[in-house]
C-alpha atoms as a PDB file:
ATOM      1  CA  MET A   1     106.484 135.508 -21.541  1.00  0.00           C
ATOM      2  CA  ASP A   2     110.029 136.079 -20.276  1.00  0.00           C
ATOM      3  CA  PRO A   3     112.589 135.578 -23.075  1.00  0.00           C
ATOM      4  CA  TYR A   4     114.764 133.340 -20.900  1.00  0.00           C
ATOM      5  CA  LEU A   5     113.216 131.774 -17.808  1.00  0.00           C
ATOM      6  CA  ILE A   6     109.771 131.095 -16.429  1.00  0.00           C
ATOM      7  CA  GLU A   7     109.015 130.005 -12.873  1.00  0.00           C
ATOM      8  CA  PRO A   8     106.524 127.204 -12.046  1.00  0.00           C
ATOM      9  CA  PRO A   9     103.709 129.451 -10.701  1.00  0.00           C
ATOM     10  CA  GLN A  10     103.775 131.619 -13.812  1.00  0.00           C
ATOM     11  CA  LEU A  11     103.836 128.580 -16.074  1.00  0.00           C
ATOM     12  CA  SER A  12     100.870 127.097 -14.216  1.00  0.00           C
ATOM     13  CA  ASP A  13      98.921 130.263 -15.030  1.00  0.00           C
ATOM     14  CA  GLU A  14     100.136 130.286 -18.640  1.00  0.00           C
ATOM     15  CA  LEU A  15      98.880 126.739 -19.226  1.00  0.00           C
ATOM     16  CA  TYR A  16      95.316 127.911 -18.735  1.00  0.00           C
ATOM     17  CA  SER A  17      95.521 131.404 -20.224  1.00  0.00           C
ATOM     18  CA  THR A  18      97.565 130.840 -23.409  1.00  0.00           C
ATOM     19  CA  ARG A  19      98.136 128.104 -25.962  1.00  0.00           C
ATOM     20  CA  VAL A  20     101.645 127.407 -24.700  1.00  0.00           C
ATOM     21  CA  VAL A  21     103.262 124.108 -25.695  1.00  0.00           C
ATOM     22  CA  LEU A  22     105.613 122.362 -23.287  1.00  0.00           C
ATOM     23  CA  LEU A  23     108.620 120.462 -24.617  1.00  0.00           C
ATOM     24  CA  ARG A  24     110.403 117.945 -22.414  1.00  0.00           C
ATOM     25  CA  ALA A  25     114.063 117.925 -23.480  1.00  0.00           C
ATOM     26  CA  VAL A  26     114.917 114.229 -23.445  1.00  0.00           C
ATOM     27  CA  MET A  27     118.556 113.252 -23.150  1.00  0.00           C
ATOM     28  CA  LYS A  28     120.488 110.609 -21.229  1.00  0.00           C
ATOM     29  CA  HIS A  29     122.310 112.344 -18.404  1.00  0.00           C
ATOM     30  CA  PRO A  30     125.982 111.317 -18.670  1.00  0.00           C
ATOM     31  CA  PHE A  31     126.636 111.907 -14.968  1.00  0.00           C
ATOM     32  CA  GLN A  32     123.744 109.848 -13.605  1.00  0.00           C
ATOM     33  CA  HIS A  33     123.117 106.119 -13.378  1.00  0.00           C
ATOM     34  CA  GLU A  34     120.548 105.003 -15.935  1.00  0.00           C
ATOM     35  CA  SER A  35     118.164 103.767 -13.225  1.00  0.00           C
ATOM     36  CA  ASP A  36     118.126 107.264 -11.721  1.00  0.00           C
ATOM     37  CA  GLN A  37     116.857 108.672 -15.007  1.00  0.00           C
ATOM     38  CA  ASP A  38     113.690 106.608 -15.213  1.00  0.00           C
ATOM     39  CA  ASN A  39     110.804 109.028 -15.127  1.00  0.00           C
ATOM     40  CA  HIS A  40     107.213 108.509 -16.124  1.00  0.00           C
ATOM     41  CA  ASP A  41     105.856 111.883 -15.055  1.00  0.00           C
ATOM     42  CA  TYR A  42     105.115 114.696 -17.480  1.00  0.00           C
ATOM     43  CA  LEU A  43     104.012 118.254 -17.092  1.00  0.00           C
ATOM     44  CA  PRO A  44     100.520 118.864 -18.495  1.00  0.00           C
ATOM     45  CA  GLN A  45     100.500 119.177 -22.293  1.00  0.00           C
ATOM     46  CA  ALA A  46     104.199 118.207 -22.472  1.00  0.00           C
ATOM     47  CA  ARG A  47     105.624 116.566 -25.590  1.00  0.00           C
ATOM     48  CA  ASN A  48     109.000 114.861 -25.846  1.00  0.00           C
ATOM     49  CA  PHE A  49     111.791 116.572 -27.760  1.00  0.00           C
ATOM     50  CA  ASP A  50     114.372 113.830 -28.253  1.00  0.00           C
ATOM     51  CA  LEU A  51     117.941 115.160 -28.294  1.00  0.00           C
ATOM     52  CA  GLU A  52     119.234 111.633 -28.795  1.00  0.00           C
ATOM     53  CA  GLY A  53     116.985 111.154 -31.825  1.00  0.00           C
ATOM     54  CA  GLN A  54     115.351 113.645 -34.184  1.00  0.00           C
ATOM     55  CA  GLY A  55     116.672 116.564 -32.131  1.00  0.00           C
ATOM     56  CA  SER A  56     120.227 115.923 -33.384  1.00  0.00           C
ATOM     57  CA  ASP A  57     121.877 115.349 -36.751  1.00  0.00           C
ATOM     58  CA  SER A  58     121.763 111.585 -37.269  1.00  0.00           C
ATOM     59  CA  LEU A  59     124.323 111.807 -40.081  1.00  0.00           C
ATOM     60  CA  SER A  60     126.996 113.470 -37.944  1.00  0.00           C
ATOM     61  CA  SER A  61     129.788 111.466 -36.325  1.00  0.00           C
ATOM     62  CA  LEU A  62     129.623 113.905 -33.392  1.00  0.00           C
ATOM     63  CA  PRO A  63     127.029 113.728 -30.604  1.00  0.00           C
ATOM     64  CA  HIS A  64     124.105 116.162 -30.293  1.00  0.00           C
ATOM     65  CA  THR A  65     124.976 118.312 -33.295  1.00  0.00           C
ATOM     66  CA  LEU A  66     122.388 120.647 -34.797  1.00  0.00           C
ATOM     67  CA  PRO A  67     120.071 119.128 -37.432  1.00  0.00           C
ATOM     68  CA  THR A  68     119.546 120.957 -40.698  1.00  0.00           C
ATOM     69  CA  VAL A  69     116.998 123.752 -40.636  1.00  0.00           C
ATOM     70  CA  GLU A  70     114.697 121.618 -42.781  1.00  0.00           C
ATOM     71  CA  LYS A  71     114.870 118.595 -40.457  1.00  0.00           C
ATOM     72  CA  LEU A  72     114.471 120.668 -37.306  1.00  0.00           C
ATOM     73  CA  SER A  73     111.508 122.518 -38.819  1.00  0.00           C
ATOM     74  CA  HIS A  74     109.874 119.238 -39.822  1.00  0.00           C
ATOM     75  CA  TYR A  75     110.405 117.817 -36.325  1.00  0.00           C
ATOM     76  CA  LEU A  76     108.896 120.862 -34.606  1.00  0.00           C
ATOM     77  CA  GLY A  77     105.972 120.835 -37.010  1.00  0.00           C
ATOM     78  CA  SER A  78     105.345 117.155 -36.197  1.00  0.00           C
ATOM     79  CA  LEU A  79     105.129 118.179 -32.529  1.00  0.00           C
ATOM     80  CA  GLY A  80     102.327 120.611 -33.376  1.00  0.00           C
ATOM     81  CA  ILE A  81     104.514 123.709 -33.171  1.00  0.00           C
ATOM     82  CA  ALA A  82     104.591 126.685 -35.526  1.00  0.00           C
ATOM     83  CA  ILE A  83     107.109 129.513 -35.292  1.00  0.00           C
ATOM     84  CA  THR A  84     104.471 131.682 -33.550  1.00  0.00           C
ATOM     85  CA  THR A  85     103.592 129.026 -30.940  1.00  0.00           C
ATOM     86  CA  PRO A  86     104.551 129.989 -27.351  1.00  0.00           C
ATOM     87  CA  VAL A  87     106.913 127.255 -26.126  1.00  0.00           C
ATOM     88  CA  VAL A  88     108.313 126.394 -22.697  1.00  0.00           C
ATOM     89  CA  ILE A  89     111.113 123.817 -22.457  1.00  0.00           C
ATOM     90  CA  TYR A  90     111.986 121.793 -19.380  1.00  0.00           C
ATOM     91  CA  ASP A  91     114.032 118.768 -18.451  1.00  0.00           C
ATOM     92  CA  ASP A  92     113.802 116.162 -15.709  1.00  0.00           C
ATOM     93  CA  THR A  93     117.086 117.168 -14.057  1.00  0.00           C
ATOM     94  CA  GLY A  94     116.244 120.821 -13.432  1.00  0.00           C
ATOM     95  CA  ILE A  95     118.579 122.690 -15.750  1.00  0.00           C
ATOM     96  CA  PHE A  96     120.565 120.464 -18.071  1.00  0.00           C
ATOM     97  CA  SER A  97     119.351 119.775 -21.619  1.00  0.00           C
ATOM     98  CA  ALA A  98     116.513 122.340 -21.802  1.00  0.00           C
ATOM     99  CA  PRO A  99     118.814 125.314 -22.588  1.00  0.00           C
ATOM    100  CA  ARG A 100     120.186 123.367 -25.568  1.00  0.00           C
ATOM    101  CA  VAL A 101     116.699 123.047 -27.077  1.00  0.00           C
ATOM    102  CA  TRP A 102     116.021 126.727 -26.284  1.00  0.00           C
ATOM    103  CA  TRP A 103     119.253 127.677 -28.103  1.00  0.00           C
ATOM    104  CA  MET A 104     118.269 125.571 -31.110  1.00  0.00           C
ATOM    105  CA  LEU A 105     114.864 127.253 -31.378  1.00  0.00           C
ATOM    106  CA  LYS A 106     116.408 130.716 -31.081  1.00  0.00           C
ATOM    107  CA  SER A 107     118.790 129.831 -33.908  1.00  0.00           C
ATOM    108  CA  ILE A 108     115.841 129.360 -36.268  1.00  0.00           C
ATOM    109  CA  GLY A 109     114.009 132.493 -35.224  1.00  0.00           C
ATOM    110  CA  HIS A 110     111.592 131.316 -32.526  1.00  0.00           C
ATOM    111  CA  GLU A 111     110.785 134.299 -30.328  1.00  0.00           C
ATOM    112  CA  ALA A 112     108.226 133.068 -27.780  1.00  0.00           C
ATOM    113  CA  VAL A 113     110.321 130.426 -26.032  1.00  0.00           C
ATOM    114  CA  SER A 114     111.463 130.104 -22.406  1.00  0.00           C
ATOM    115  CA  VAL A 115     113.023 127.515 -20.113  1.00  0.00           C
ATOM    116  CA  LEU A 116     111.273 126.346 -16.950  1.00  0.00           C
ATOM    117  CA  ASN A 117     113.707 127.349 -14.216  1.00  0.00           C
ATOM    118  CA  GLY A 118     114.275 124.255 -12.094  1.00  0.00           C
ATOM    119  CA  GLY A 119     112.491 121.954 -14.526  1.00  0.00           C
ATOM    120  CA  MET A 120     110.570 118.928 -13.293  1.00  0.00           C
ATOM    121  CA  PRO A 121     111.978 119.057  -9.713  1.00  0.00           C
ATOM    122  CA  ALA A 122     110.798 122.660  -9.250  1.00  0.00           C
ATOM    123  CA  TRP A 123     107.385 121.845 -10.706  1.00  0.00           C
ATOM    124  CA  LYS A 124     106.993 118.867  -8.371  1.00  0.00           C
ATOM    125  CA  ASN A 125     108.171 120.844  -5.354  1.00  0.00           C
ATOM    126  CA  ALA A 126     105.532 123.467  -6.099  1.00  0.00           C
ATOM    127  CA  GLY A 127     102.857 120.764  -5.996  1.00  0.00           C
ATOM    128  CA  PHE A 128     101.474 121.318  -9.484  1.00  0.00           C
ATOM    129  CA  THR A 129      99.650 118.752 -11.624  1.00  0.00           C
ATOM    130  CA  LEU A 130     101.522 115.914 -13.323  1.00  0.00           C
ATOM    131  CA  ASN A 131     100.463 113.558 -16.092  1.00  0.00           C
ATOM    132  CA  ALA A 132     101.459 109.919 -16.549  1.00  0.00           C
ATOM    133  CA  GLU A 133     101.848 110.179 -20.330  1.00  0.00           C
ATOM    134  CA  PRO A 134     103.080 112.777 -22.824  1.00  0.00           C
ATOM    135  CA  ALA A 135     100.442 114.822 -24.604  1.00  0.00           C
ATOM    136  CA  SER A 136      99.422 114.078 -28.169  1.00  0.00           C
ATOM    137  CA  PRO A 137     100.952 116.607 -30.580  1.00  0.00           C
ATOM    138  CA  GLY A 138      97.692 116.765 -32.513  1.00  0.00           C
ATOM    139  CA  ARG A 139      97.856 117.818 -36.133  1.00  0.00           C
ATOM    140  CA  ASN A 140     101.117 118.659 -37.853  1.00  0.00           C
ATOM    141  CA  ARG A 141     101.930 122.334 -38.213  1.00  0.00           C
ATOM    142  CA  LEU A 142     103.962 124.121 -40.858  1.00  0.00           C
ATOM    143  CA  TYR A 143     107.091 125.477 -39.171  1.00  0.00           C
ATOM    144  CA  GLU A 144     108.480 128.350 -41.217  1.00  0.00           C
ATOM    145  CA  ALA A 145     111.972 128.820 -39.798  1.00  0.00           C
ATOM    146  CA  GLN A 146     113.783 132.137 -39.959  1.00  0.00           C
ATOM    147  CA  PRO A 147     117.438 131.143 -39.428  1.00  0.00           C
ATOM    148  CA  GLN A 148     119.483 133.578 -37.331  1.00  0.00           C
ATOM    149  CA  ALA A 149     123.240 133.898 -37.712  1.00  0.00           C
ATOM    150  CA  GLY A 150     125.559 133.712 -34.728  1.00  0.00           C
ATOM    151  CA  TRP A 151     123.785 131.345 -32.366  1.00  0.00           C
ATOM    152  CA  PHE A 152     125.994 128.444 -33.453  1.00  0.00           C
ATOM    153  CA  VAL A 153     129.516 128.558 -34.875  1.00  0.00           C
ATOM    154  CA  ASP A 154     131.861 125.951 -36.283  1.00  0.00           C
ATOM    155  CA  LYS A 155     135.487 124.974 -35.753  1.00  0.00           C
ATOM    156  CA  SER A 156     136.832 127.661 -38.090  1.00  0.00           C
ATOM    157  CA  ALA A 157     135.220 130.402 -36.000  1.00  0.00           C
ATOM    158  CA  VAL A 158     136.977 129.070 -32.887  1.00  0.00           C
ATOM    159  CA  LEU A 159     140.303 128.902 -34.718  1.00  0.00           C
ATOM    160  CA  ASP A 160     139.844 132.540 -35.746  1.00  0.00           C
ATOM    161  CA  ALA A 161     138.850 133.516 -32.203  1.00  0.00           C
ATOM    162  CA  ILE A 162     142.150 132.287 -30.748  1.00  0.00           C
ATOM    163  CA  SER A 163     143.963 135.207 -32.370  1.00  0.00           C
ATOM    164  CA  SER A 164     141.191 137.765 -31.898  1.00  0.00           C
ATOM    165  CA  SER A 165     139.432 139.595 -29.070  1.00  0.00           C
ATOM    166  CA  VAL A 166     136.575 137.055 -29.030  1.00  0.00           C
ATOM    167  CA  GLN A 167     136.513 135.253 -25.680  1.00  0.00           C
ATOM    168  CA  ILE A 168     136.410 131.443 -25.680  1.00  0.00           C
ATOM    169  CA  ILE A 169     134.597 129.966 -22.684  1.00  0.00           C
ATOM    170  CA  ASP A 170     134.791 126.296 -21.707  1.00  0.00           C
ATOM    171  CA  ALA A 171     131.846 124.951 -19.670  1.00  0.00           C
ATOM    172  CA  ARG A 172     133.474 121.639 -18.725  1.00  0.00           C
ATOM    173  CA  SER A 173     134.769 120.691 -15.279  1.00  0.00           C
ATOM    174  CA  PRO A 174     138.102 122.144 -14.083  1.00  0.00           C
ATOM    175  CA  ASP A 175     139.831 118.741 -14.321  1.00  0.00           C
ATOM    176  CA  ARG A 176     138.751 118.215 -17.922  1.00  0.00           C
ATOM    177  CA  PHE A 177     139.715 121.786 -18.825  1.00  0.00           C
ATOM    178  CA  ALA A 178     143.135 121.380 -17.199  1.00  0.00           C
ATOM    179  CA  GLY A 179     143.765 118.073 -18.965  1.00  0.00           C
ATOM    180  CA  ARG A 180     143.995 116.165 -15.685  1.00  0.00           C
ATOM    181  CA  ALA A 181     140.922 114.019 -16.443  1.00  0.00           C
ATOM    182  CA  ARG A 182     140.518 111.613 -19.326  1.00  0.00           C
ATOM    183  CA  GLU A 183     137.837 112.524 -21.821  1.00  0.00           C
ATOM    184  CA  PRO A 184     134.814 110.202 -21.770  1.00  0.00           C
ATOM    185  CA  ARG A 185     134.750 109.762 -25.549  1.00  0.00           C
ATOM    186  CA  ALA A 186     137.236 107.530 -27.362  1.00  0.00           C
ATOM    187  CA  GLY A 187     139.827 109.286 -29.503  1.00  0.00           C
ATOM    188  CA  VAL A 188     139.381 112.660 -27.817  1.00  0.00           C
ATOM    189  CA  VAL A 189     142.453 114.179 -26.167  1.00  0.00           C
ATOM    190  CA  SER A 190     142.405 116.077 -22.876  1.00  0.00           C
ATOM    191  CA  GLY A 191     142.979 119.803 -22.463  1.00  0.00           C
ATOM    192  CA  HIS A 192     141.438 123.032 -23.732  1.00  0.00           C
ATOM    193  CA  VAL A 193     141.481 125.546 -26.562  1.00  0.00           C
ATOM    194  CA  PRO A 194     144.517 127.861 -26.155  1.00  0.00           C
ATOM    195  CA  GLY A 195     143.557 131.112 -24.443  1.00  0.00           C
ATOM    196  CA  SER A 196     140.131 129.878 -23.363  1.00  0.00           C
ATOM    197  CA  LYS A 197     138.668 130.473 -19.900  1.00  0.00           C
ATOM    198  CA  ASN A 198     136.986 127.901 -17.719  1.00  0.00           C
ATOM    199  CA  LEU A 199     133.502 128.525 -16.327  1.00  0.00           C
ATOM    200  CA  PRO A 200     132.005 125.149 -15.332  1.00  0.00           C
ATOM    201  CA  PHE A 201     128.263 125.194 -15.961  1.00  0.00           C
ATOM    202  CA  ALA A 202     127.493 123.620 -12.575  1.00  0.00           C
ATOM    203  CA  ILE A 203     128.633 126.682 -10.591  1.00  0.00           C
ATOM    204  CA  LEU A 204     125.954 128.774 -12.320  1.00  0.00           C
ATOM    205  CA  LEU A 205     123.224 126.621 -10.779  1.00  0.00           C
ATOM    206  CA  GLU A 206     121.836 126.235  -7.292  1.00  0.00           C
ATOM    207  CA  GLN A 207     119.327 123.519  -6.423  1.00  0.00           C
ATOM    208  CA  ASN A 208     119.001 122.732 -10.125  1.00  0.00           C
ATOM    209  CA  LYS A 209     118.015 126.318 -10.966  1.00  0.00           C
ATOM    210  CA  PHE A 210     119.879 129.276 -12.443  1.00  0.00           C
ATOM    211  CA  LYS A 211     121.289 131.612  -9.826  1.00  0.00           C
ATOM    212  CA  SER A 212     120.132 135.236  -9.850  1.00  0.00           C
ATOM    213  CA  ALA A 213     121.353 137.557 -12.606  1.00  0.00           C
ATOM    214  CA  SER A 214     123.573 139.442 -10.149  1.00  0.00           C
ATOM    215  CA  GLU A 215     125.153 136.216  -8.870  1.00  0.00           C
ATOM    216  CA  LEU A 216     125.726 135.029 -12.429  1.00  0.00           C
ATOM    217  CA  ALA A 217     127.367 138.333 -13.374  1.00  0.00           C
ATOM    218  CA  THR A 218     129.729 137.991 -10.423  1.00  0.00           C
ATOM    219  CA  LEU A 219     130.737 134.479 -11.491  1.00  0.00           C
ATOM    220  CA  PHE A 220     131.478 135.618 -15.040  1.00  0.00           C
ATOM    221  CA  SER A 221     133.580 138.479 -13.697  1.00  0.00           C
ATOM    222  CA  ARG A 222     135.526 136.198 -11.344  1.00  0.00           C
ATOM    223  CA  ALA A 223     136.321 133.929 -14.293  1.00  0.00           C
ATOM    224  CA  GLY A 224     137.813 136.906 -16.124  1.00  0.00           C
ATOM    225  CA  ILE A 225     134.986 137.074 -18.657  1.00  0.00           C
ATOM    226  CA  ASP A 226     133.691 140.421 -19.912  1.00  0.00           C
ATOM    227  CA  ILE A 227     130.020 139.925 -20.795  1.00  0.00           C
ATOM    228  CA  THR A 228     130.043 143.117 -22.872  1.00  0.00           C
ATOM    229  CA  GLN A 229     132.452 141.495 -25.334  1.00  0.00           C
ATOM    230  CA  PRO A 230     131.762 138.699 -27.865  1.00  0.00           C
ATOM    231  CA  MET A 231     132.193 135.132 -26.659  1.00  0.00           C
ATOM    232  CA  ILE A 232     132.075 131.576 -27.943  1.00  0.00           C
ATOM    233  CA  VAL A 233     131.088 128.849 -25.477  1.00  0.00           C
ATOM    234  CA  LEU A 234     131.942 125.167 -25.758  1.00  0.00           C
ATOM    235  CA  CYS A 235     131.616 122.047 -23.632  1.00  0.00           C
ATOM    236  CA  GLY A 236     131.840 118.325 -24.324  1.00  0.00           C
ATOM    237  CA  SER A 237     129.152 117.996 -26.978  1.00  0.00           C
ATOM    238  CA  GLY A 238     127.460 121.401 -27.194  1.00  0.00           C
ATOM    239  CA  VAL A 239     124.737 120.819 -24.581  1.00  0.00           C
ATOM    240  CA  THR A 240     125.936 122.338 -21.297  1.00  0.00           C
ATOM    241  CA  ALA A 241     127.621 125.147 -23.246  1.00  0.00           C
ATOM    242  CA  CYS A 242     124.074 126.403 -23.797  1.00  0.00           C
ATOM    243  CA  ILE A 243     123.639 126.706 -20.007  1.00  0.00           C
ATOM    244  CA  VAL A 244     126.638 129.049 -19.842  1.00  0.00           C
ATOM    245  CA  GLY A 245     125.511 130.867 -22.980  1.00  0.00           C
ATOM    246  CA  MET A 246     122.026 131.391 -21.590  1.00  0.00           C
ATOM    247  CA  ALA A 247     123.444 132.608 -18.276  1.00  0.00           C
ATOM    248  CA  ALA A 248     125.536 135.172 -20.161  1.00  0.00           C
ATOM    249  CA  LEU A 249     122.441 136.441 -21.967  1.00  0.00           C
ATOM    250  CA  ILE A 250     120.539 136.657 -18.682  1.00  0.00           C
ATOM    251  CA  CYS A 251     123.368 138.915 -17.452  1.00  0.00           C
ATOM    252  CA  GLY A 252     122.979 141.194 -20.462  1.00  0.00           C
ATOM    253  CA  ALA A 253     125.528 139.789 -22.933  1.00  0.00           C
ATOM    254  CA  LYS A 254     124.699 140.572 -26.557  1.00  0.00           C
ATOM    255  CA  GLN A 255     127.109 138.449 -28.627  1.00  0.00           C
ATOM    256  CA  VAL A 256     127.192 134.830 -27.496  1.00  0.00           C
ATOM    257  CA  SER A 257     127.723 131.831 -29.756  1.00  0.00           C
ATOM    258  CA  VAL A 258     127.909 128.106 -29.019  1.00  0.00           C
ATOM    259  CA  TYR A 259     130.522 125.955 -30.755  1.00  0.00           C
ATOM    260  CA  ASP A 260     128.330 123.115 -31.945  1.00  0.00           C
ATOM    261  CA  GLY A 261     131.072 120.495 -32.364  1.00  0.00           C
ATOM    262  CA  SER A 262     132.570 121.484 -28.993  1.00  0.00           C
ATOM    263  CA  TRP A 263     135.340 119.393 -27.434  1.00  0.00           C
ATOM    264  CA  SER A 264     134.118 116.193 -29.113  1.00  0.00           C
ATOM    265  CA  GLU A 265     135.243 117.709 -32.402  1.00  0.00           C
ATOM    266  CA  TRP A 266     138.153 119.867 -31.225  1.00  0.00           C
ATOM    267  CA  GLY A 267     139.778 117.137 -29.153  1.00  0.00           C
ATOM    268  CA  SER A 268     139.695 114.706 -32.053  1.00  0.00           C
ATOM    269  CA  CYS A 269     140.957 117.205 -34.648  1.00  0.00           C
ATOM    270  CA  ASP A 270     144.640 116.826 -35.633  1.00  0.00           C
ATOM    271  CA  GLU A 271     145.082 120.468 -36.699  1.00  0.00           C
ATOM    272  CA  CYS A 272     143.332 121.988 -33.656  1.00  0.00           C
ATOM    273  CA  PRO A 273     145.790 123.311 -31.023  1.00  0.00           C
ATOM    274  CA  VAL A 274     145.356 122.031 -27.490  1.00  0.00           C
ATOM    275  CA  GLU A 275     146.732 123.286 -24.173  1.00  0.00           C
ATOM    276  CA  THR A 276     146.771 121.811 -20.707  1.00  0.00           C
ATOM    277  CA  LEU A 277     147.462 123.670 -17.478  1.00  0.00           C
ATOM    278  CA  GLY A 278     150.835 121.940 -17.406  1.00  0.00           C
ATOM    279  CA  ASP A 279     151.850 123.523 -20.742  1.00  0.00           C
END
């Protein structure tokens, strides 16, 4: 199984030739009307992975932050997944929340995990089978996590990066990066981390799928980002940053971290420096 992306025809074959488990990355899309998010279709054998619930740290004041290794392991085990289980993650939008779940699994040592490129829309367009209900997880499994350093970093790592050669990449829209748009969360100022570069996640996608590796590499280069050098990616709440991070890895980057607190934390932090394009 490809370490990053799988296309619908290949996944259709995998469903009948391996014991792959499908996870539907469930998250309210902040840029869509709620009625547009109603969906009662599931890929065969798919189980819900709730990023608004057990898939995030319920004790954190910040949205979508990483649960503890113990809680994440327990959640995956309750979904019938062990660390050796082949997993494919998809979301209903195409590419939105699935890379976040992929990033989380990689951070605890899961090797056989991919994202369905194009998600539910691509699967439907290919005419493959759909179910009306999620699959039963079956019996609980013991998930023996093997935590991996570097996939996620905290605020202190970003503060250190400002005065180092580590590149800081912001996946938010140009207006939010520039400080021209108000932040959607109360108490969060507008702007960006000093010295960071803007690469909006949306330009890496075409028809809800990742662009080709060569096209992605060109977009990183145009943004002034050297994929051979270490980078930290952030966004609003640490979800779409994983799209940019995954794209960098697809291009061959080796040292990519996601700032888990992202702008929700940085923009509400009194000691964190902030720039706007007017500064």
